Amino acid sequence: MQEQPPIGFNESRYMTEFNAPNDEFIRFWEMLYLINLYLQLFGFFHKGVERVLLL
């Protein structure tokens, strides 16, 4: 069984090591990761947390 990444870990790096997806897929997740960081900087962190908790 694969180990689970620690919460908050850069998931794109984790997936690169263990699942080795293609480069386009990696870039897609890295872009989402960066967008998430920018949204937090602009004050949308709380909305992001609410969405995660509702999923």
PDB file of N, CA and C in Angstrom:
ATOM      1  N   MET A   1       0.847  -1.210   0.000  1.00  0.00           N
ATOM      2  CA  MET A   1       0.000   0.000   0.000  1.00  0.00           C
ATOM      3  C   MET A   1       0.872   1.246   0.000  1.00  0.00           C
ATOM      4  N   GLN A   2       0.377   2.272  -0.667  1.00  0.00           N
ATOM      5  CA  GLN A   2       1.116   3.536  -0.692  1.00  0.00           C
ATOM      6  C   GLN A   2       0.879   4.301   0.599  1.00  0.00           C
ATOM      7  N   GLU A   3       1.913   4.992   1.055  1.00  0.00           N
ATOM      8  CA  GLU A   3       1.737   5.854   2.217  1.00  0.00           C
ATOM      9  C   GLU A   3       0.960   7.091   1.809  1.00  0.00           C
ATOM     10  N   GLN A   4       0.202   7.641   2.748  1.00  0.00           N
ATOM     11  CA  GLN A   4      -0.509   8.886   2.480  1.00  0.00           C
ATOM     12  C   GLN A   4       0.438  10.056   2.726  1.00  0.00           C
ATOM     13  N   PRO A   5       0.361  11.098   1.887  1.00  0.00           N
ATOM     14  CA  PRO A   5       1.215  12.268   2.120  1.00  0.00           C
ATOM     15  C   PRO A   5       0.749  13.022   3.353  1.00  0.00           C
ATOM     16  N   PRO A   6       1.647  13.695   4.060  1.00  0.00           N
ATOM     17  CA  PRO A   6       1.221  14.527   5.184  1.00  0.00           C
ATOM     18  C   PRO A   6       0.293  15.634   4.694  1.00  0.00           C
ATOM     19  N   ILE A   7      -0.654  16.035   5.520  1.00  0.00           N
ATOM     20  CA  ILE A   7      -1.605  17.070   5.126  1.00  0.00           C
ATOM     21  C   ILE A   7      -0.858  18.376   4.896  1.00  0.00           C
ATOM     22  N   GLY A   8      -1.151  19.027   3.777  1.00  0.00           N
ATOM     23  CA  GLY A   8      -0.469  20.265   3.441  1.00  0.00           C
ATOM     24  C   GLY A   8       0.795  20.041   2.634  1.00  0.00           C
ATOM     25  N   PHE A   9       1.146  18.788   2.424  1.00  0.00           N
ATOM     26  CA  PHE A   9       2.328  18.464   1.629  1.00  0.00           C
ATOM     27  C   PHE A   9       2.061  18.832   0.176  1.00  0.00           C
ATOM     28  N   ASN A  10       3.110  19.202  -0.548  1.00  0.00           N
ATOM     29  CA  ASN A  10       2.933  19.538  -1.965  1.00  0.00           C
ATOM     30  C   ASN A  10       2.561  18.259  -2.712  1.00  0.00           C
ATOM     31  N   GLU A  11       1.280  18.111  -3.010  1.00  0.00           N
ATOM     32  CA  GLU A  11       0.779  16.853  -3.545  1.00  0.00           C
ATOM     33  C   GLU A  11       1.331  16.543  -4.930  1.00  0.00           C
ATOM     34  N   SER A  12       1.632  17.575  -5.721  1.00  0.00           N
ATOM     35  CA  SER A  12       2.159  17.309  -7.056  1.00  0.00           C
ATOM     36  C   SER A  12       3.516  16.620  -6.970  1.00  0.00           C
ATOM     37  N   ARG A  13       4.350  17.018  -6.004  1.00  0.00           N
ATOM     38  CA  ARG A  13       5.647  16.358  -5.824  1.00  0.00           C
ATOM     39  C   ARG A  13       5.439  14.914  -5.367  1.00  0.00           C
ATOM     40  N   TYR A  14       4.477  14.719  -4.478  1.00  0.00           N
ATOM     41  CA  TYR A  14       4.177  13.372  -3.985  1.00  0.00           C
ATOM     42  C   TYR A  14       3.745  12.465  -5.133  1.00  0.00           C
ATOM     43  N   MET A  15       2.856  12.963  -5.971  1.00  0.00           N
ATOM     44  CA  MET A  15       2.354  12.154  -7.073  1.00  0.00           C
ATOM     45  C   MET A  15       3.452  11.884  -8.095  1.00  0.00           C
ATOM     46  N   THR A  16       4.370  12.832  -8.266  1.00  0.00           N
ATOM     47  CA  THR A  16       5.465  12.627  -9.203  1.00  0.00           C
ATOM     48  C   THR A  16       6.310  11.437  -8.763  1.00  0.00           C
ATOM     49  N   GLU A  17       6.576  11.339  -7.474  1.00  0.00           N
ATOM     50  CA  GLU A  17       7.416  10.258  -6.977  1.00  0.00           C
ATOM     51  C   GLU A  17       6.717   8.903  -7.050  1.00  0.00           C
ATOM     52  N   PHE A  18       5.453   8.843  -6.668  1.00  0.00           N
ATOM     53  CA  PHE A  18       4.821   7.547  -6.469  1.00  0.00           C
ATOM     54  C   PHE A  18       3.994   7.075  -7.661  1.00  0.00           C
ATOM     55  N   ASN A  19       3.343   7.998  -8.359  1.00  0.00           N
ATOM     56  CA  ASN A  19       2.474   7.588  -9.456  1.00  0.00           C
ATOM     57  C   ASN A  19       3.042   7.928 -10.827  1.00  0.00           C
ATOM     58  N   ALA A  20       4.026   8.833 -10.866  1.00  0.00           N
ATOM     59  CA  ALA A  20       4.698   9.235 -12.100  1.00  0.00           C
ATOM     60  C   ALA A  20       3.724   9.544 -13.237  1.00  0.00           C
ATOM     61  N   PRO A  21       2.829  10.518 -13.055  1.00  0.00           N
ATOM     62  CA  PRO A  21       1.958  10.935 -14.152  1.00  0.00           C
ATOM     63  C   PRO A  21       2.767  11.697 -15.189  1.00  0.00           C
ATOM     64  N   ASN A  22       2.137  11.997 -16.332  1.00  0.00           N
ATOM     65  CA  ASN A  22       2.869  12.733 -17.361  1.00  0.00           C
ATOM     66  C   ASN A  22       3.068  14.189 -16.942  1.00  0.00           C
ATOM     67  N   ASP A  23       3.974  14.869 -17.625  1.00  0.00           N
ATOM     68  CA  ASP A  23       4.366  16.223 -17.234  1.00  0.00           C
ATOM     69  C   ASP A  23       3.190  17.195 -17.253  1.00  0.00           C
ATOM     70  N   GLU A  24       2.298  17.017 -18.232  1.00  0.00           N
ATOM     71  CA  GLU A  24       1.159  17.929 -18.342  1.00  0.00           C
ATOM     72  C   GLU A  24       0.285  17.832 -17.091  1.00  0.00           C
ATOM     73  N   PHE A  25       0.067  16.617 -16.618  1.00  0.00           N
ATOM     74  CA  PHE A  25      -0.744  16.392 -15.420  1.00  0.00           C
ATOM     75  C   PHE A  25      -0.070  17.014 -14.201  1.00  0.00           C
ATOM     76  N   ILE A  26       1.253  16.862 -14.110  1.00  0.00           N
ATOM     77  CA  ILE A  26       1.999  17.453 -12.997  1.00  0.00           C
ATOM     78  C   ILE A  26       1.841  18.966 -13.009  1.00  0.00           C
ATOM     79  N   ARG A  27       2.010  19.577 -14.188  1.00  0.00           N
ATOM     80  CA  ARG A  27       1.906  21.037 -14.280  1.00  0.00           C
ATOM     81  C   ARG A  27       0.508  21.504 -13.906  1.00  0.00           C
ATOM     82  N   PHE A  28      -0.518  20.720 -14.279  1.00  0.00           N
ATOM     83  CA  PHE A  28      -1.894  21.062 -13.937  1.00  0.00           C
ATOM     84  C   PHE A  28      -2.065  21.162 -12.425  1.00  0.00           C
ATOM     85  N   TRP A  29      -1.552  20.163 -11.688  1.00  0.00           N
ATOM     86  CA  TRP A  29      -1.699  20.178 -10.234  1.00  0.00           C
ATOM     87  C   TRP A  29      -0.849  21.255  -9.589  1.00  0.00           C
ATOM     88  N   GLU A  30       0.360  21.501 -10.147  1.00  0.00           N
ATOM     89  CA  GLU A  30       1.193  22.569  -9.594  1.00  0.00           C
ATOM     90  C   GLU A  30       0.516  23.919  -9.792  1.00  0.00           C
ATOM     91  N   MET A  31      -0.168  24.091 -10.934  1.00  0.00           N
ATOM     92  CA  MET A  31      -0.885  25.340 -11.186  1.00  0.00           C
ATOM     93  C   MET A  31      -2.020  25.504 -10.180  1.00  0.00           C
ATOM     94  N   LEU A  32      -2.766  24.432  -9.928  1.00  0.00           N
ATOM     95  CA  LEU A  32      -3.835  24.509  -8.931  1.00  0.00           C
ATOM     96  C   LEU A  32      -3.278  24.847  -7.557  1.00  0.00           C
ATOM     97  N   TYR A  33      -2.132  24.258  -7.232  1.00  0.00           N
ATOM     98  CA  TYR A  33      -1.495  24.510  -5.939  1.00  0.00           C
ATOM     99  C   TYR A  33      -1.117  25.982  -5.815  1.00  0.00           C
ATOM    100  N   LEU A  34      -0.529  26.549  -6.869  1.00  0.00           N
ATOM    101  CA  LEU A  34      -0.142  27.960  -6.840  1.00  0.00           C
ATOM    102  C   LEU A  34      -1.363  28.868  -6.793  1.00  0.00           C
ATOM    103  N   ILE A  35      -2.401  28.528  -7.568  1.00  0.00           N
ATOM    104  CA  ILE A  35      -3.631  29.331  -7.554  1.00  0.00           C
ATOM    105  C   ILE A  35      -4.219  29.341  -6.148  1.00  0.00           C
ATOM    106  N   ASN A  36      -4.200  28.184  -5.487  1.00  0.00           N
ATOM    107  CA  ASN A  36      -4.715  28.101  -4.126  1.00  0.00           C
ATOM    108  C   ASN A  36      -3.937  29.029  -3.194  1.00  0.00           C
ATOM    109  N   LEU A  37      -2.609  29.054  -3.341  1.00  0.00           N
ATOM    110  CA  LEU A  37      -1.800  29.946  -2.502  1.00  0.00           C
ATOM    111  C   LEU A  37      -2.151  31.411  -2.762  1.00  0.00           C
ATOM    112  N   TYR A  38      -2.310  31.772  -4.044  1.00  0.00           N
ATOM    113  CA  TYR A  38      -2.656  33.157  -4.365  1.00  0.00           C
ATOM    114  C   TYR A  38      -4.027  33.528  -3.795  1.00  0.00           C
ATOM    115  N   LEU A  39      -4.996  32.615  -3.904  1.00  0.00           N
ATOM    116  CA  LEU A  39      -6.322  32.898  -3.354  1.00  0.00           C
ATOM    117  C   LEU A  39      -6.255  33.118  -1.848  1.00  0.00           C
ATOM    118  N   GLN A  40      -5.414  32.344  -1.173  1.00  0.00           N
ATOM    119  CA  GLN A  40      -5.264  32.539   0.269  1.00  0.00           C
ATOM    120  C   GLN A  40      -4.702  33.922   0.558  1.00  0.00           C
ATOM    121  N   LEU A  41      -3.729  34.350  -0.245  1.00  0.00           N
ATOM    122  CA  LEU A  41      -3.144  35.673  -0.035  1.00  0.00           C
ATOM    123  C   LEU A  41      -4.183  36.769  -0.228  1.00  0.00           C
ATOM    124  N   PHE A  42      -5.126  36.548  -1.132  1.00  0.00           N
ATOM    125  CA  PHE A  42      -6.148  37.564  -1.394  1.00  0.00           C
ATOM    126  C   PHE A  42      -7.353  37.449  -0.465  1.00  0.00           C
ATOM    127  N   GLY A  43      -7.263  36.599   0.546  1.00  0.00           N
ATOM    128  CA  GLY A  43      -8.294  36.583   1.573  1.00  0.00           C
ATOM    129  C   GLY A  43      -9.420  35.597   1.336  1.00  0.00           C
ATOM    130  N   PHE A  44      -9.204  34.623   0.450  1.00  0.00           N
ATOM    131  CA  PHE A  44     -10.254  33.643   0.196  1.00  0.00           C
ATOM    132  C   PHE A  44      -9.994  32.327   0.929  1.00  0.00           C
ATOM    133  N   PHE A  45      -9.064  32.365   1.869  1.00  0.00           N
ATOM    134  CA  PHE A  45      -8.702  31.137   2.585  1.00  0.00           C
ATOM    135  C   PHE A  45      -9.917  30.534   3.288  1.00  0.00           C
ATOM    136  N   HIS A  46     -10.721  31.385   3.923  1.00  0.00           N
ATOM    137  CA  HIS A  46     -11.861  30.887   4.690  1.00  0.00           C
ATOM    138  C   HIS A  46     -12.859  30.169   3.784  1.00  0.00           C
ATOM    139  N   LYS A  47     -13.128  30.742   2.613  1.00  0.00           N
ATOM    140  CA  LYS A  47     -14.046  30.093   1.675  1.00  0.00           C
ATOM    141  C   LYS A  47     -13.489  28.750   1.222  1.00  0.00           C
ATOM    142  N   GLY A  48     -12.167  28.701   1.001  1.00  0.00           N
ATOM    143  CA  GLY A  48     -11.545  27.446   0.596  1.00  0.00           C
ATOM    144  C   GLY A  48     -11.710  26.377   1.660  1.00  0.00           C
ATOM    145  N   VAL A  49     -11.526  26.761   2.921  1.00  0.00           N
ATOM    146  CA  VAL A  49     -11.675  25.807   4.021  1.00  0.00           C
ATOM    147  C   VAL A  49     -13.106  25.304   4.087  1.00  0.00           C
ATOM    148  N   GLU A  50     -14.069  26.205   3.925  1.00  0.00           N
ATOM    149  CA  GLU A  50     -15.476  25.789   3.961  1.00  0.00           C
ATOM    150  C   GLU A  50     -15.775  24.774   2.864  1.00  0.00           C
ATOM    151  N   ARG A  51     -15.251  25.015   1.663  1.00  0.00           N
ATOM    152  CA  ARG A  51     -15.518  24.080   0.565  1.00  0.00           C
ATOM    153  C   ARG A  51     -14.911  22.715   0.851  1.00  0.00           C
ATOM    154  N   VAL A  52     -13.695  22.703   1.404  1.00  0.00           N
ATOM    155  CA  VAL A  52     -13.057  21.422   1.715  1.00  0.00           C
ATOM    156  C   VAL A  52     -13.875  20.664   2.754  1.00  0.00           C
ATOM    157  N   LEU A  53     -14.366  21.372   3.777  1.00  0.00           N
ATOM    158  CA  LEU A  53     -15.126  20.712   4.833  1.00  0.00           C
ATOM    159  C   LEU A  53     -16.470  20.202   4.325  1.00  0.00           C
ATOM    160  N   LEU A  54     -17.036  20.852   3.301  1.00  0.00           N
ATOM    161  CA  LEU A  54     -18.330  20.427   2.779  1.00  0.00           C
ATOM    162  C   LEU A  54     -18.201  19.243   1.828  1.00  0.00           C
ATOM    163  N   LEU A  55     -17.010  19.009   1.277  1.00  0.00           N
ATOM    164  CA  LEU A  55     -16.855  17.907   0.326  1.00  0.00           C
ATOM    165  C   LEU A  55     -16.934  16.551   1.028  1.00  0.00           C
TER     166      LEU A  55
END
